[in-house]
N, C-alpha and C. Protein backbone atom coordinates (compact mmCIF):
# COMPACT_ATOMS: atom_id res chain seq x y z
N MET A 1 -8.15 -3.20 -14.79
CA MET A 1 -8.19 -2.84 -14.02
C MET A 1 -9.34 -4.92 -13.14
N THR A 2 -9.03 -4.31 -12.32
CA THR A 2 -9.19 -6.09 -11.22
C THR A 2 -10.53 -6.06 -11.46
N THR A 3 -11.53 -7.25 -12.17
CA THR A 3 -12.74 -6.91 -12.04
C THR A 3 -12.81 -8.05 -10.90
N ARG A 4 -14.01 -8.49 -9.99
CA ARG A 4 -14.25 -8.89 -8.80
C ARG A 4 -13.51 -10.81 -9.14
N THR A 5 -14.40 -11.27 -10.46
CA THR A 5 -14.12 -12.74 -10.86
C THR A 5 -12.28 -12.49 -10.92
N GLN A 6 -11.38 -11.49 -11.05
CA GLN A 6 -10.07 -11.90 -11.02
C GLN A 6 -9.39 -12.30 -9.14
N PHE A 7 -10.66 -11.09 -9.19
CA PHE A 7 -9.65 -11.10 -7.20
C PHE A 7 -10.35 -12.35 -6.84
N GLN A 8 -11.01 -12.42 -6.69
CA GLN A 8 -11.16 -14.61 -6.31
C GLN A 8 -10.30 -15.51 -6.36
N GLN A 9 -10.32 -15.12 -7.88
CA GLN A 9 -9.12 -15.97 -8.70
C GLN A 9 -7.68 -16.46 -7.82
N GLN A 10 -7.04 -15.15 -7.21
CA GLN A 10 -6.32 -14.37 -6.83
C GLN A 10 -6.48 -14.78 -5.21
N LEU A 11 -7.62 -14.42 -4.70
CA LEU A 11 -7.81 -14.69 -3.71
C LEU A 11 -7.74 -15.96 -3.32
N HIS A 12 -7.91 -17.03 -4.30
CA HIS A 12 -7.96 -18.72 -4.24
C HIS A 12 -6.23 -19.45 -4.58
N GLN A 13 -5.45 -17.85 -4.79
CA GLN A 13 -4.27 -18.31 -5.48
C GLN A 13 -3.10 -18.95 -4.11
N VAL A 14 -4.13 -17.49 -3.50
CA VAL A 14 -3.21 -17.25 -2.51
C VAL A 14 -3.71 -18.30 -0.91
N GLU A 15 -4.37 -18.77 -1.05
CA GLU A 15 -5.43 -19.51 0.08
C GLU A 15 -4.57 -20.96 -0.63
N ALA A 16 -4.56 -21.37 -1.89
CA ALA A 16 -3.94 -22.77 -2.00
C ALA A 16 -2.15 -21.95 -1.59
N ARG A 17 -1.64 -21.50 -2.17
CA ARG A 17 0.26 -21.49 -1.72
C ARG A 17 0.16 -21.16 0.08
N VAL A 18 -0.80 -21.10 0.64
CA VAL A 18 -0.43 -20.65 2.05
C VAL A 18 -0.94 -21.90 2.65
N ALA A 19 -2.12 -22.82 2.30
CA ALA A 19 -2.07 -23.68 2.36
C ALA A 19 -1.17 -24.64 2.56
N ALA A 20 -0.21 -24.84 1.55
CA ALA A 20 1.18 -25.42 0.72
C ALA A 20 2.05 -25.69 1.70
N LEU A 21 2.10 -25.05 3.24
CA LEU A 21 3.25 -24.23 3.36
C LEU A 21 3.52 -25.45 4.25
N THR A 22 4.52 -25.79 4.95
CA THR A 22 4.87 -26.24 6.10
C THR A 22 4.80 -25.67 7.24
N ASP A 23 4.85 -26.44 8.46
CA ASP A 23 4.63 -26.13 9.76
C ASP A 23 5.81 -24.76 10.00
N ALA A 24 6.97 -25.35 9.75
CA ALA A 24 8.07 -24.14 10.05
C ALA A 24 7.45 -23.19 8.81
N GLU A 25 7.58 -23.09 7.72
CA GLU A 25 7.36 -22.06 6.60
C GLU A 25 6.16 -20.93 7.40
N LEU A 26 5.25 -21.29 7.94
CA LEU A 26 4.15 -21.16 8.35
C LEU A 26 4.17 -20.08 9.65
N ARG A 27 5.47 -20.82 10.96
CA ARG A 27 6.05 -20.38 11.86
C ARG A 27 6.82 -19.29 11.12
N THR A 28 7.55 -19.10 10.32
CA THR A 28 8.96 -17.95 9.98
C THR A 28 7.81 -16.54 9.46
N LEU A 29 7.47 -17.24 8.64
CA LEU A 29 6.35 -16.21 7.91
C LEU A 29 5.26 -15.27 9.35
N ALA A 30 4.56 -15.91 10.15
CA ALA A 30 3.65 -15.45 11.28
C ALA A 30 4.95 -14.52 12.14
N GLY A 31 6.08 -15.11 12.03
CA GLY A 31 7.38 -14.28 12.56
C GLY A 31 7.68 -12.65 11.93
N GLN A 32 7.72 -13.26 10.66
CA GLN A 32 7.50 -11.71 9.81
C GLN A 32 7.17 -10.46 9.34
N MET A 33 5.27 -11.25 10.14
CA MET A 33 4.80 -10.42 9.91
C MET A 33 4.14 -9.81 10.89
N ALA A 34 5.02 -10.00 12.61
CA ALA A 34 4.86 -9.79 13.29
C ALA A 34 5.71 -9.21 13.34
N ASP A 35 6.71 -8.49 12.83
CA ASP A 35 7.42 -7.80 12.98
C ASP A 35 7.25 -6.27 12.02
N LEU A 36 6.71 -6.58 10.74
CA LEU A 36 6.58 -5.37 10.60
C LEU A 36 5.57 -4.00 11.23
N PRO A 37 6.07 -3.38 10.57
CA PRO A 37 5.01 -2.20 11.44
C PRO A 37 3.04 -1.70 11.61
N ALA A 38 2.99 -1.73 11.96
CA ALA A 38 1.11 -1.22 11.44
C ALA A 38 1.36 -0.35 10.85
N GLY A 39 0.75 0.11 9.83
CA GLY A 39 0.48 1.35 8.94
C GLY A 39 1.70 1.21 8.11
N GLY A 40 2.57 0.67 8.21
CA GLY A 40 3.52 0.31 6.65
C GLY A 40 4.39 2.09 7.08
N ASP A 41 4.62 2.60 6.02
CA ASP A 41 4.83 3.73 5.63
C ASP A 41 4.24 4.76 5.58
N ALA A 42 3.16 4.99 6.17
CA ALA A 42 2.89 6.57 6.61
C ALA A 42 3.20 7.56 6.27
N LEU A 43 4.57 7.57 6.59
CA LEU A 43 4.92 8.56 6.04
C LEU A 43 5.15 9.32 5.39
N ALA A 44 5.59 7.97 4.88
CA ALA A 44 6.42 8.38 3.03
C ALA A 44 4.82 9.12 2.47
N VAL A 45 3.85 7.79 2.31
CA VAL A 45 2.88 8.20 1.96
C VAL A 45 2.19 10.02 2.27
N ILE A 46 2.50 9.98 3.02
CA ILE A 46 1.87 11.92 3.34
C ILE A 46 2.95 12.53 3.21
N GLY A 47 4.12 12.10 2.41
CA GLY A 47 5.30 13.27 2.23
C GLY A 47 5.07 12.95 0.01
N ILE A 48 4.28 11.45 -0.21
CA ILE A 48 4.26 12.15 -1.52
C ILE A 48 2.75 13.19 -1.88
N VAL A 49 2.35 12.43 -0.96
CA VAL A 49 0.85 13.00 -1.40
C VAL A 49 0.64 15.08 -1.18
N PHE A 50 1.46 15.72 -0.63
CA PHE A 50 2.69 17.32 -0.38
C PHE A 50 3.27 17.46 -0.87
N LEU A 51 4.13 16.47 -1.54
CA LEU A 51 4.55 16.45 -3.61
C LEU A 51 3.92 16.62 -4.22
N VAL A 52 3.19 16.22 -4.43
CA VAL A 52 2.50 15.86 -5.57
C VAL A 52 1.42 17.36 -5.28
N LEU A 53 0.94 17.95 -3.77
CA LEU A 53 0.54 19.04 -4.22
C LEU A 53 0.80 20.15 -4.52
N LEU A 54 2.18 20.16 -3.66
CA LEU A 54 3.38 20.75 -4.51
C LEU A 54 3.52 21.57 -6.19
N ILE A 55 3.36 20.31 -6.14
CA ILE A 55 4.23 20.11 -7.58
C ILE A 55 2.71 21.30 -8.52
N LEU A 56 1.64 20.74 -8.43
CA LEU A 56 0.30 21.03 -8.90
C LEU A 56 0.55 22.49 -8.25
N GLU A 57 0.38 23.11 -7.44
CA GLU A 57 -0.10 24.13 -6.81
C GLU A 57 1.00 25.06 -8.18
N ALA A 58 2.06 24.74 -7.84
CA ALA A 58 3.43 25.48 -8.89
C ALA A 58 3.11 25.07 -9.98
N VAL A 59 2.10 24.33 -11.21
CA VAL A 59 1.68 24.25 -12.71
C VAL A 59 0.69 25.27 -12.66
N GLY A 60 0.25 25.99 -11.56
CA GLY A 60 -1.05 26.43 -11.55
C GLY A 60 -2.42 25.90 -11.65
N VAL A 61 -2.12 24.33 -11.36
CA VAL A 61 -3.13 23.28 -11.89
C VAL A 61 -5.21 23.28 -10.25
N ILE A 62 -4.11 23.90 -9.02
CA ILE A 62 -4.77 23.98 -8.09
C ILE A 62 -4.14 25.00 -7.85
N ASP A 63 -5.61 25.90 -6.46
CA ASP A 63 -4.70 26.56 -5.78
C ASP A 63 -5.53 26.14 -3.83
N ILE A 64 -4.78 25.63 -3.95
CA ILE A 64 -4.71 25.35 -2.26
C ILE A 64 -4.06 26.00 -1.64
N PHE A 65 -2.84 26.34 -1.48
CA PHE A 65 -2.04 26.59 -0.63
C PHE A 65 -1.87 28.84 -0.47
N LYS A 66 -3.14 29.44 -0.26
CA LYS A 66 -3.05 30.95 -0.96
C LYS A 66 -2.16 31.34 -0.78
N LYS A 67 -2.46 32.43 -1.84
CA LYS A 67 -0.86 33.32 -2.19
C LYS A 67 -1.31 34.82 -1.17
N PHE A 68 0.24 34.90 -0.26
CA PHE A 68 -0.14 36.87 0.40
C PHE A 68 0.09 37.48 -1.17
N PRO A 69 -0.30 38.82 -0.71
CA PRO A 69 -0.54 39.51 -1.23
C PRO A 69 0.53 40.00 -1.82
């Protein structure tokens, strides 16, 4: 588990690495970030959640999908 102190240390490391980038590297990074889709792979996350629910239903852990009589 990441503690607040560890997170702050990682944040400072990231800030130091970004500060060390050249102007050309920053422009490249900004261009790559601009090309990324907003929300990433939300459809994949929804699919994985559905699959987990389906497996849990199949083994009898949960009863989300009501069975028809």
